[in-house]
Amino acid sequence: MKRIILLGMLISMLSANAFADGNVKTEIIERCKKQMGEYGASMVKACVDQDLDAVNGIDNFPDKYSNIVARCMKQMRQYGFSMVKACADQDIEAEEALSNY
């Protein structure tokens, strides 16, 4: 049972980091065009810039938060990497606050 859990955690960590190797820029541009295109090119650009910054931030999370990042990636990626980062930021903050009770 422990091996299955360990394997699951390893797979989730790899999938969380796999986005950096794929064609993430194309994914971001296409999603932003779809979601923000009706508001003009400047809004699409703002969306793309925000998500690219978020990808860099996600890459900088310490390894000890990989399970949080993997869960947020799974739940929020369809809404953009800025939402993934916000999810992870909030969960990390909450986890730290709970440890102080």
PDB file of N, CA and C in Angstrom:
ATOM      1  N   MET A   1       0.827  -1.194   0.000  1.00  0.00           N
ATOM      2  CA  MET A   1       0.000   0.000   0.000  1.00  0.00           C
ATOM      3  C   MET A   1       0.873   1.260   0.000  1.00  0.00           C
ATOM      4  N   LYS A   2       1.945   1.245   0.784  1.00  0.00           N
ATOM      5  CA  LYS A   2       2.827   2.409   0.851  1.00  0.00           C
ATOM      6  C   LYS A   2       3.469   2.676  -0.509  1.00  0.00           C
ATOM      7  N   ARG A   3       3.780   1.608  -1.234  1.00  0.00           N
ATOM      8  CA  ARG A   3       4.380   1.776  -2.556  1.00  0.00           C
ATOM      9  C   ARG A   3       3.409   2.434  -3.515  1.00  0.00           C
ATOM     10  N   ILE A   4       2.142   2.083  -3.420  1.00  0.00           N
ATOM     11  CA  ILE A   4       1.123   2.678  -4.286  1.00  0.00           C
ATOM     12  C   ILE A   4       0.986   4.172  -3.991  1.00  0.00           C
ATOM     13  N   ILE A   5       0.969   4.511  -2.710  1.00  0.00           N
ATOM     14  CA  ILE A   5       0.874   5.923  -2.321  1.00  0.00           C
ATOM     15  C   ILE A   5       2.106   6.683  -2.797  1.00  0.00           C
ATOM     16  N   LEU A   6       3.285   6.096  -2.591  1.00  0.00           N
ATOM     17  CA  LEU A   6       4.526   6.738  -3.025  1.00  0.00           C
ATOM     18  C   LEU A   6       4.538   6.926  -4.539  1.00  0.00           C
ATOM     19  N   LEU A   7       4.101   5.892  -5.265  1.00  0.00           N
ATOM     20  CA  LEU A   7       4.037   5.991  -6.720  1.00  0.00           C
ATOM     21  C   LEU A   7       3.070   7.085  -7.153  1.00  0.00           C
ATOM     22  N   GLY A   8       1.920   7.164  -6.494  1.00  0.00           N
ATOM     23  CA  GLY A   8       0.949   8.209  -6.803  1.00  0.00           C
ATOM     24  C   GLY A   8       1.501   9.599  -6.565  1.00  0.00           C
ATOM     25  N   MET A   9       2.224   9.754  -5.470  1.00  0.00           N
ATOM     26  CA  MET A   9       2.821  11.062  -5.178  1.00  0.00           C
ATOM     27  C   MET A   9       3.881  11.405  -6.206  1.00  0.00           C
ATOM     28  N   LEU A  10       4.682  10.420  -6.613  1.00  0.00           N
ATOM     29  CA  LEU A  10       5.709  10.659  -7.612  1.00  0.00           C
ATOM     30  C   LEU A  10       5.093  11.062  -8.947  1.00  0.00           C
ATOM     31  N   ILE A  11       4.038  10.367  -9.350  1.00  0.00           N
ATOM     32  CA  ILE A  11       3.359  10.697 -10.606  1.00  0.00           C
ATOM     33  C   ILE A  11       2.772  12.099 -10.548  1.00  0.00           C
ATOM     34  N   SER A  12       2.166  12.456  -9.409  1.00  0.00           N
ATOM     35  CA  SER A  12       1.579  13.788  -9.305  1.00  0.00           C
ATOM     36  C   SER A  12       2.647  14.872  -9.356  1.00  0.00           C
ATOM     37  N   MET A  13       3.814  14.606  -8.777  1.00  0.00           N
ATOM     38  CA  MET A  13       4.897  15.591  -8.829  1.00  0.00           C
ATOM     39  C   MET A  13       5.404  15.740 -10.255  1.00  0.00           C
ATOM     40  N   LEU A  14       5.534  14.631 -10.945  1.00  0.00           N
ATOM     41  CA  LEU A  14       6.005  14.690 -12.327  1.00  0.00           C
ATOM     42  C   LEU A  14       4.998  15.401 -13.215  1.00  0.00           C
ATOM     43  N   SER A  15       3.706  15.143 -13.003  1.00  0.00           N
ATOM     44  CA  SER A  15       2.707  15.797 -13.838  1.00  0.00           C
ATOM     45  C   SER A  15       2.642  17.292 -13.554  1.00  0.00           C
ATOM     46  N   ALA A  16       2.929  17.688 -12.319  1.00  0.00           N
ATOM     47  CA  ALA A  16       2.929  19.110 -11.990  1.00  0.00           C
ATOM     48  C   ALA A  16       4.065  19.834 -12.679  1.00  0.00           C
ATOM     49  N   ASN A  17       5.192  19.156 -12.842  1.00  0.00           N
ATOM     50  CA  ASN A  17       6.334  19.787 -13.475  1.00  0.00           C
ATOM     51  C   ASN A  17       6.365  19.564 -14.977  1.00  0.00           C
ATOM     52  N   ALA A  18       5.547  18.654 -15.475  1.00  0.00           N
ATOM     53  CA  ALA A  18       5.562  18.329 -16.896  1.00  0.00           C
ATOM     54  C   ALA A  18       5.092  19.486 -17.764  1.00  0.00           C
ATOM     55  N   PHE A  19       4.278  20.388 -17.206  1.00  0.00           N
ATOM     56  CA  PHE A  19       3.772  21.488 -18.006  1.00  0.00           C
ATOM     57  C   PHE A  19       4.898  22.371 -18.523  1.00  0.00           C
ATOM     58  N   ALA A  20       6.000  22.426 -17.783  1.00  0.00           N
ATOM     59  CA  ALA A  20       7.110  23.280 -18.183  1.00  0.00           C
ATOM     60  C   ALA A  20       7.797  22.742 -19.431  1.00  0.00           C
ATOM     61  N   ASP A  21       7.706  21.426 -19.661  1.00  0.00           N
ATOM     62  CA  ASP A  21       8.372  20.819 -20.802  1.00  0.00           C
ATOM     63  C   ASP A  21       7.510  20.848 -22.055  1.00  0.00           C
ATOM     64  N   GLY A  22       6.216  20.949 -21.893  1.00  0.00           N
ATOM     65  CA  GLY A  22       5.305  20.927 -23.038  1.00  0.00           C
ATOM     66  C   GLY A  22       5.254  22.268 -23.721  1.00  0.00           C
ATOM     67  N   ASN A  23       4.304  22.402 -24.567  1.00  0.00           N
ATOM     68  CA  ASN A  23       4.152  23.650 -25.299  1.00  0.00           C
ATOM     69  C   ASN A  23       3.220  24.575 -24.522  1.00  0.00           C
ATOM     70  N   VAL A  24       3.667  24.967 -23.344  1.00  0.00           N
ATOM     71  CA  VAL A  24       2.836  25.732 -22.425  1.00  0.00           C
ATOM     72  C   VAL A  24       2.489  27.115 -22.989  1.00  0.00           C
ATOM     73  N   LYS A  25       3.404  27.709 -23.711  1.00  0.00           N
ATOM     74  CA  LYS A  25       3.138  29.045 -24.260  1.00  0.00           C
ATOM     75  C   LYS A  25       1.967  29.000 -25.240  1.00  0.00           C
ATOM     76  N   THR A  26       1.944  27.983 -26.095  1.00  0.00           N
ATOM     77  CA  THR A  26       0.834  27.836 -27.042  1.00  0.00           C
ATOM     78  C   THR A  26      -0.465  27.591 -26.291  1.00  0.00           C
ATOM     79  N   GLU A  27      -0.409  26.756 -25.261  1.00  0.00           N
ATOM     80  CA  GLU A  27      -1.597  26.490 -24.449  1.00  0.00           C
ATOM     81  C   GLU A  27      -2.140  27.778 -23.842  1.00  0.00           C
ATOM     82  N   ILE A  28      -1.249  28.588 -23.305  1.00  0.00           N
ATOM     83  CA  ILE A  28      -1.660  29.852 -22.678  1.00  0.00           C
ATOM     84  C   ILE A  28      -2.267  30.791 -23.710  1.00  0.00           C
ATOM     85  N   ILE A  29      -1.608  30.951 -24.836  1.00  0.00           N
ATOM     86  CA  ILE A  29      -2.097  31.868 -25.865  1.00  0.00           C
ATOM     87  C   ILE A  29      -3.473  31.447 -26.353  1.00  0.00           C
ATOM     88  N   GLU A  30      -3.647  30.176 -26.620  1.00  0.00           N
ATOM     89  CA  GLU A  30      -4.936  29.686 -27.123  1.00  0.00           C
ATOM     90  C   GLU A  30      -6.038  29.866 -26.089  1.00  0.00           C
ATOM     91  N   ARG A  31      -5.749  29.553 -24.820  1.00  0.00           N
ATOM     92  CA  ARG A  31      -6.763  29.722 -23.772  1.00  0.00           C
ATOM     93  C   ARG A  31      -7.122  31.187 -23.599  1.00  0.00           C
ATOM     94  N   CYS A  32      -6.122  32.052 -23.598  1.00  0.00           N
ATOM     95  CA  CYS A  32      -6.376  33.484 -23.429  1.00  0.00           C
ATOM     96  C   CYS A  32      -7.170  34.055 -24.600  1.00  0.00           C
ATOM     97  N   LYS A  33      -6.858  33.610 -25.812  1.00  0.00           N
ATOM     98  CA  LYS A  33      -7.638  34.056 -26.973  1.00  0.00           C
ATOM     99  C   LYS A  33      -9.090  33.638 -26.834  1.00  0.00           C
ATOM    100  N   LYS A  34      -9.292  32.399 -26.403  1.00  0.00           N
ATOM    101  CA  LYS A  34     -10.657  31.871 -26.264  1.00  0.00           C
ATOM    102  C   LYS A  34     -11.424  32.614 -25.168  1.00  0.00           C
ATOM    103  N   GLN A  35     -10.771  32.838 -24.033  1.00  0.00           N
ATOM    104  CA  GLN A  35     -11.450  33.441 -22.894  1.00  0.00           C
ATOM    105  C   GLN A  35     -11.541  34.965 -22.974  1.00  0.00           C
ATOM    106  N   MET A  36     -10.554  35.606 -23.579  1.00  0.00           N
ATOM    107  CA  MET A  36     -10.486  37.068 -23.525  1.00  0.00           C
ATOM    108  C   MET A  36     -10.555  37.748 -24.884  1.00  0.00           C
ATOM    109  N   GLY A  37     -10.600  36.970 -25.949  1.00  0.00           N
ATOM    110  CA  GLY A  37     -10.545  37.527 -27.299  1.00  0.00           C
ATOM    111  C   GLY A  37     -11.602  38.570 -27.600  1.00  0.00           C
ATOM    112  N   GLU A  38     -12.783  38.394 -27.038  1.00  0.00           N
ATOM    113  CA  GLU A  38     -13.864  39.341 -27.316  1.00  0.00           C
ATOM    114  C   GLU A  38     -13.598  40.733 -26.729  1.00  0.00           C
ATOM    115  N   TYR A  39     -12.612  40.828 -25.830  1.00  0.00           N
ATOM    116  CA  TYR A  39     -12.289  42.102 -25.196  1.00  0.00           C
ATOM    117  C   TYR A  39     -11.118  42.818 -25.848  1.00  0.00           C
ATOM    118  N   GLY A  40     -10.542  42.217 -26.881  1.00  0.00           N
ATOM    119  CA  GLY A  40      -9.478  42.861 -27.630  1.00  0.00           C
ATOM    120  C   GLY A  40      -8.101  42.295 -27.343  1.00  0.00           C
ATOM    121  N   ALA A  41      -7.185  42.669 -28.218  1.00  0.00           N
ATOM    122  CA  ALA A  41      -5.827  42.139 -28.160  1.00  0.00           C
ATOM    123  C   ALA A  41      -5.102  42.520 -26.870  1.00  0.00           C
ATOM    124  N   SER A  42      -5.381  43.697 -26.343  1.00  0.00           N
ATOM    125  CA  SER A  42      -4.686  44.111 -25.124  1.00  0.00           C
ATOM    126  C   SER A  42      -5.066  43.226 -23.940  1.00  0.00           C
ATOM    127  N   MET A  43      -6.304  42.777 -23.885  1.00  0.00           N
ATOM    128  CA  MET A  43      -6.732  41.887 -22.809  1.00  0.00           C
ATOM    129  C   MET A  43      -6.144  40.486 -22.989  1.00  0.00           C
ATOM    130  N   VAL A  44      -6.046  40.037 -24.235  1.00  0.00           N
ATOM    131  CA  VAL A  44      -5.413  38.745 -24.496  1.00  0.00           C
ATOM    132  C   VAL A  44      -3.952  38.804 -24.071  1.00  0.00           C
ATOM    133  N   LYS A  45      -3.265  39.879 -24.425  1.00  0.00           N
ATOM    134  CA  LYS A  45      -1.859  40.036 -24.053  1.00  0.00           C
ATOM    135  C   LYS A  45      -1.692  40.071 -22.532  1.00  0.00           C
ATOM    136  N   ALA A  46      -2.571  40.798 -21.846  1.00  0.00           N
ATOM    137  CA  ALA A  46      -2.497  40.862 -20.387  1.00  0.00           C
ATOM    138  C   ALA A  46      -2.682  39.472 -19.773  1.00  0.00           C
ATOM    139  N   CYS A  47      -3.604  38.708 -20.314  1.00  0.00           N
ATOM    140  CA  CYS A  47      -3.852  37.342 -19.854  1.00  0.00           C
ATOM    141  C   CYS A  47      -2.614  36.474 -20.063  1.00  0.00           C
ATOM    142  N   VAL A  48      -2.027  36.545 -21.247  1.00  0.00           N
ATOM    143  CA  VAL A  48      -0.831  35.761 -21.566  1.00  0.00           C
ATOM    144  C   VAL A  48       0.320  36.160 -20.647  1.00  0.00           C
ATOM    145  N   ASP A  49       0.557  37.451 -20.496  1.00  0.00           N
ATOM    146  CA  ASP A  49       1.652  37.920 -19.637  1.00  0.00           C
ATOM    147  C   ASP A  49       1.469  37.434 -18.197  1.00  0.00           C
ATOM    148  N   GLN A  50       0.240  37.517 -17.698  1.00  0.00           N
ATOM    149  CA  GLN A  50      -0.042  37.101 -16.333  1.00  0.00           C
ATOM    150  C   GLN A  50       0.202  35.599 -16.157  1.00  0.00           C
ATOM    151  N   ASP A  51      -0.224  34.804 -17.113  1.00  0.00           N
ATOM    152  CA  ASP A  51      -0.018  33.363 -17.008  1.00  0.00           C
ATOM    153  C   ASP A  51       1.458  32.974 -17.142  1.00  0.00           C
ATOM    154  N   LEU A  52       2.189  33.653 -18.020  1.00  0.00           N
ATOM    155  CA  LEU A  52       3.617  33.355 -18.154  1.00  0.00           C
ATOM    156  C   LEU A  52       4.356  33.679 -16.859  1.00  0.00           C
ATOM    157  N   ASP A  53       4.004  34.785 -16.219  1.00  0.00           N
ATOM    158  CA  ASP A  53       4.598  35.116 -14.919  1.00  0.00           C
ATOM    159  C   ASP A  53       4.239  34.059 -13.874  1.00  0.00           C
ATOM    160  N   ALA A  54       2.996  33.587 -13.926  1.00  0.00           N
ATOM    161  CA  ALA A  54       2.550  32.570 -12.972  1.00  0.00           C
ATOM    162  C   ALA A  54       3.318  31.268 -13.159  1.00  0.00           C
ATOM    163  N   VAL A  55       3.584  30.877 -14.404  1.00  0.00           N
ATOM    164  CA  VAL A  55       4.352  29.661 -14.667  1.00  0.00           C
ATOM    165  C   VAL A  55       5.720  29.760 -14.005  1.00  0.00           C
ATOM    166  N   ASN A  56       6.348  30.906 -14.123  1.00  0.00           N
ATOM    167  CA  ASN A  56       7.652  31.102 -13.479  1.00  0.00           C
ATOM    168  C   ASN A  56       7.532  30.993 -11.965  1.00  0.00           C
ATOM    169  N   GLY A  57       6.465  31.542 -11.410  1.00  0.00           N
ATOM    170  CA  GLY A  57       6.246  31.456  -9.968  1.00  0.00           C
ATOM    171  C   GLY A  57       5.994  30.035  -9.510  1.00  0.00           C
ATOM    172  N   ILE A  58       5.248  29.281 -10.288  1.00  0.00           N
ATOM    173  CA  ILE A  58       4.957  27.886  -9.953  1.00  0.00           C
ATOM    174  C   ILE A  58       6.250  27.073  -9.935  1.00  0.00           C
ATOM    175  N   ASP A  59       7.121  27.353 -10.878  1.00  0.00           N
ATOM    176  CA  ASP A  59       8.408  26.646 -10.937  1.00  0.00           C
ATOM    177  C   ASP A  59       9.267  26.901  -9.699  1.00  0.00           C
ATOM    178  N   ASN A  60       9.021  28.005  -9.010  1.00  0.00           N
ATOM    179  CA  ASN A  60       9.855  28.379  -7.865  1.00  0.00           C
ATOM    180  C   ASN A  60       9.325  27.898  -6.522  1.00  0.00           C
ATOM    181  N   PHE A  61       8.188  27.178  -6.494  1.00  0.00           N
ATOM    182  CA  PHE A  61       7.688  26.651  -5.231  1.00  0.00           C
ATOM    183  C   PHE A  61       8.654  25.586  -4.709  1.00  0.00           C
ATOM    184  N   PRO A  62       8.916  25.590  -3.411  1.00  0.00           N
ATOM    185  CA  PRO A  62       9.778  24.543  -2.833  1.00  0.00           C
ATOM    186  C   PRO A  62       9.157  23.155  -3.037  1.00  0.00           C
ATOM    187  N   ASP A  63       9.996  22.142  -3.112  1.00  0.00           N
ATOM    188  CA  ASP A  63       9.544  20.768  -3.338  1.00  0.00           C
ATOM    189  C   ASP A  63       8.577  20.276  -2.265  1.00  0.00           C
ATOM    190  N   LYS A  64       8.690  20.811  -1.059  1.00  0.00           N
ATOM    191  CA  LYS A  64       7.808  20.338   0.012  1.00  0.00           C
ATOM    192  C   LYS A  64       6.341  20.662  -0.255  1.00  0.00           C
ATOM    193  N   TYR A  65       6.069  21.552  -1.212  1.00  0.00           N
ATOM    194  CA  TYR A  65       4.691  21.895  -1.563  1.00  0.00           C
ATOM    195  C   TYR A  65       4.242  21.236  -2.862  1.00  0.00           C
ATOM    196  N   SER A  66       4.968  20.245  -3.318  1.00  0.00           N
ATOM    197  CA  SER A  66       4.653  19.634  -4.619  1.00  0.00           C
ATOM    198  C   SER A  66       3.261  18.995  -4.645  1.00  0.00           C
ATOM    199  N   ASN A  67       2.808  18.463  -3.505  1.00  0.00           N
ATOM    200  CA  ASN A  67       1.469  17.871  -3.495  1.00  0.00           C
ATOM    201  C   ASN A  67       0.385  18.940  -3.644  1.00  0.00           C
ATOM    202  N   ILE A  68       0.597  20.092  -3.062  1.00  0.00           N
ATOM    203  CA  ILE A  68      -0.356  21.197  -3.197  1.00  0.00           C
ATOM    204  C   ILE A  68      -0.354  21.697  -4.635  1.00  0.00           C
ATOM    205  N   VAL A  69       0.819  21.877  -5.203  1.00  0.00           N
ATOM    206  CA  VAL A  69       0.926  22.358  -6.583  1.00  0.00           C
ATOM    207  C   VAL A  69       0.284  21.360  -7.540  1.00  0.00           C
ATOM    208  N   ALA A  70       0.514  20.072  -7.321  1.00  0.00           N
ATOM    209  CA  ALA A  70      -0.072  19.050  -8.195  1.00  0.00           C
ATOM    210  C   ALA A  70      -1.594  19.074  -8.122  1.00  0.00           C
ATOM    211  N   ARG A  71      -2.140  19.213  -6.915  1.00  0.00           N
ATOM    212  CA  ARG A  71      -3.602  19.266  -6.774  1.00  0.00           C
ATOM    213  C   ARG A  71      -4.170  20.511  -7.435  1.00  0.00           C
ATOM    214  N   CYS A  72      -3.535  21.647  -7.210  1.00  0.00           N
ATOM    215  CA  CYS A  72      -4.010  22.890  -7.831  1.00  0.00           C
ATOM    216  C   CYS A  72      -3.885  22.823  -9.352  1.00  0.00           C
ATOM    217  N   MET A  73      -2.833  22.206  -9.830  1.00  0.00           N
ATOM    218  CA  MET A  73      -2.648  22.054 -11.271  1.00  0.00           C
ATOM    219  C   MET A  73      -3.794  21.229 -11.855  1.00  0.00           C
ATOM    220  N   LYS A  74      -4.123  20.156 -11.188  1.00  0.00           N
ATOM    221  CA  LYS A  74      -5.194  19.281 -11.666  1.00  0.00           C
ATOM    222  C   LYS A  74      -6.547  19.994 -11.643  1.00  0.00           C
ATOM    223  N   GLN A  75      -6.814  20.747 -10.592  1.00  0.00           N
ATOM    224  CA  GLN A  75      -8.116  21.375 -10.413  1.00  0.00           C
ATOM    225  C   GLN A  75      -8.279  22.682 -11.184  1.00  0.00           C
ATOM    226  N   MET A  76      -7.214  23.440 -11.353  1.00  0.00           N
ATOM    227  CA  MET A  76      -7.358  24.813 -11.843  1.00  0.00           C
ATOM    228  C   MET A  76      -6.697  25.103 -13.184  1.00  0.00           C
ATOM    229  N   ARG A  77      -5.941  24.178 -13.740  1.00  0.00           N
ATOM    230  CA  ARG A  77      -5.186  24.454 -14.961  1.00  0.00           C
ATOM    231  C   ARG A  77      -6.074  24.933 -16.097  1.00  0.00           C
ATOM    232  N   GLN A  78      -7.275  24.396 -16.191  1.00  0.00           N
ATOM    233  CA  GLN A  78      -8.166  24.798 -17.274  1.00  0.00           C
ATOM    234  C   GLN A  78      -8.530  26.280 -17.212  1.00  0.00           C
ATOM    235  N   TYR A  79      -8.358  26.897 -16.054  1.00  0.00           N
ATOM    236  CA  TYR A  79      -8.654  28.321 -15.882  1.00  0.00           C
ATOM    237  C   TYR A  79      -7.422  29.200 -16.046  1.00  0.00           C
ATOM    238  N   GLY A  80      -6.263  28.571 -16.204  1.00  0.00           N
ATOM    239  CA  GLY A  80      -5.028  29.322 -16.411  1.00  0.00           C
ATOM    240  C   GLY A  80      -4.044  29.125 -15.275  1.00  0.00           C
ATOM    241  N   PHE A  81      -2.789  29.372 -15.602  1.00  0.00           N
ATOM    242  CA  PHE A  81      -1.724  29.164 -14.625  1.00  0.00           C
ATOM    243  C   PHE A  81      -1.748  30.202 -13.515  1.00  0.00           C
ATOM    244  N   SER A  82      -2.312  31.364 -13.760  1.00  0.00           N
ATOM    245  CA  SER A  82      -2.433  32.340 -12.672  1.00  0.00           C
ATOM    246  C   SER A  82      -3.398  31.820 -11.606  1.00  0.00           C
ATOM    247  N   MET A  83      -4.415  31.067 -12.028  1.00  0.00           N
ATOM    248  CA  MET A  83      -5.333  30.462 -11.057  1.00  0.00           C
ATOM    249  C   MET A  83      -4.662  29.300 -10.330  1.00  0.00           C
ATOM    250  N   VAL A  84      -3.827  28.549 -11.020  1.00  0.00           N
ATOM    251  CA  VAL A  84      -3.069  27.476 -10.371  1.00  0.00           C
ATOM    252  C   VAL A  84      -2.180  28.072  -9.290  1.00  0.00           C
ATOM    253  N   LYS A  85      -1.483  29.139  -9.631  1.00  0.00           N
ATOM    254  CA  LYS A  85      -0.579  29.773  -8.662  1.00  0.00           C
ATOM    255  C   LYS A  85      -1.358  30.360  -7.485  1.00  0.00           C
ATOM    256  N   ALA A  86      -2.493  31.001  -7.758  1.00  0.00           N
ATOM    257  CA  ALA A  86      -3.311  31.562  -6.678  1.00  0.00           C
ATOM    258  C   ALA A  86      -3.792  30.455  -5.742  1.00  0.00           C
ATOM    259  N   CYS A  87      -4.227  29.349  -6.306  1.00  0.00           N
ATOM    260  CA  CYS A  87      -4.664  28.192  -5.520  1.00  0.00           C
ATOM    261  C   CYS A  87      -3.534  27.716  -4.617  1.00  0.00           C
ATOM    262  N   ALA A  88      -2.353  27.532  -5.189  1.00  0.00           N
ATOM    263  CA  ALA A  88      -1.206  27.052  -4.414  1.00  0.00           C
ATOM    264  C   ALA A  88      -0.782  28.069  -3.359  1.00  0.00           C
ATOM    265  N   ASP A  89      -0.727  29.339  -3.733  1.00  0.00           N
ATOM    266  CA  ASP A  89      -0.357  30.385  -2.767  1.00  0.00           C
ATOM    267  C   ASP A  89      -1.296  30.373  -1.563  1.00  0.00           C
ATOM    268  N   GLN A  90      -2.596  30.298  -1.829  1.00  0.00           N
ATOM    269  CA  GLN A  90      -3.585  30.332  -0.746  1.00  0.00           C
ATOM    270  C   GLN A  90      -3.513  29.083   0.123  1.00  0.00           C
ATOM    271  N   ASP A  91      -3.334  27.915  -0.491  1.00  0.00           N
ATOM    272  CA  ASP A  91      -3.246  26.687   0.293  1.00  0.00           C
ATOM    273  C   ASP A  91      -1.974  26.642   1.139  1.00  0.00           C
ATOM    274  N   ILE A  92      -0.883  27.111   0.583  1.00  0.00           N
ATOM    275  CA  ILE A  92       0.374  27.148   1.341  1.00  0.00           C
ATOM    276  C   ILE A  92       0.234  28.100   2.526  1.00  0.00           C
ATOM    277  N   GLU A  93      -0.356  29.255   2.281  1.00  0.00           N
ATOM    278  CA  GLU A  93      -0.568  30.224   3.363  1.00  0.00           C
ATOM    279  C   GLU A  93      -1.473  29.635   4.450  1.00  0.00           C
ATOM    280  N   ALA A  94      -2.543  28.960   4.030  1.00  0.00           N
ATOM    281  CA  ALA A  94      -3.459  28.359   4.998  1.00  0.00           C
ATOM    282  C   ALA A  94      -2.786  27.233   5.781  1.00  0.00           C
ATOM    283  N   GLU A  95      -1.999  26.417   5.092  1.00  0.00           N
ATOM    284  CA  GLU A  95      -1.293  25.329   5.763  1.00  0.00           C
ATOM    285  C   GLU A  95      -0.343  25.873   6.828  1.00  0.00           C
ATOM    286  N   GLU A  96       0.356  26.942   6.503  1.00  0.00           N
ATOM    287  CA  GLU A  96       1.274  27.548   7.468  1.00  0.00           C
ATOM    288  C   GLU A  96       0.515  28.157   8.634  1.00  0.00           C
ATOM    289  N   ALA A  97      -0.623  28.791   8.358  1.00  0.00           N
ATOM    290  CA  ALA A  97      -1.430  29.376   9.434  1.00  0.00           C
ATOM    291  C   ALA A  97      -1.988  28.290  10.356  1.00  0.00           C
ATOM    292  N   LEU A  98      -2.450  27.192   9.779  1.00  0.00           N
ATOM    293  CA  LEU A  98      -2.991  26.102  10.587  1.00  0.00           C
ATOM    294  C   LEU A  98      -1.930  25.480  11.484  1.00  0.00           C
ATOM    295  N   SER A  99      -0.713  25.464  11.026  1.00  0.00           N
ATOM    296  CA  SER A  99       0.357  24.880  11.845  1.00  0.00           C
ATOM    297  C   SER A  99       0.690  25.760  13.044  1.00  0.00           C
ATOM    298  N   ASN A 100       0.222  27.007  13.046  1.00  0.00           N
ATOM    299  CA  ASN A 100       0.485  27.915  14.164  1.00  0.00           C
ATOM    300  C   ASN A 100      -0.625  27.917  15.222  1.00  0.00           C
ATOM    301  N   TYR A 101      -1.682  27.173  14.980  1.00  0.00           N
ATOM    302  CA  TYR A 101      -2.779  27.123  15.970  1.00  0.00           C
ATOM    303  C   TYR A 101      -2.396  26.267  17.143  1.00  0.00           C
TER     304      TYR A 101
END
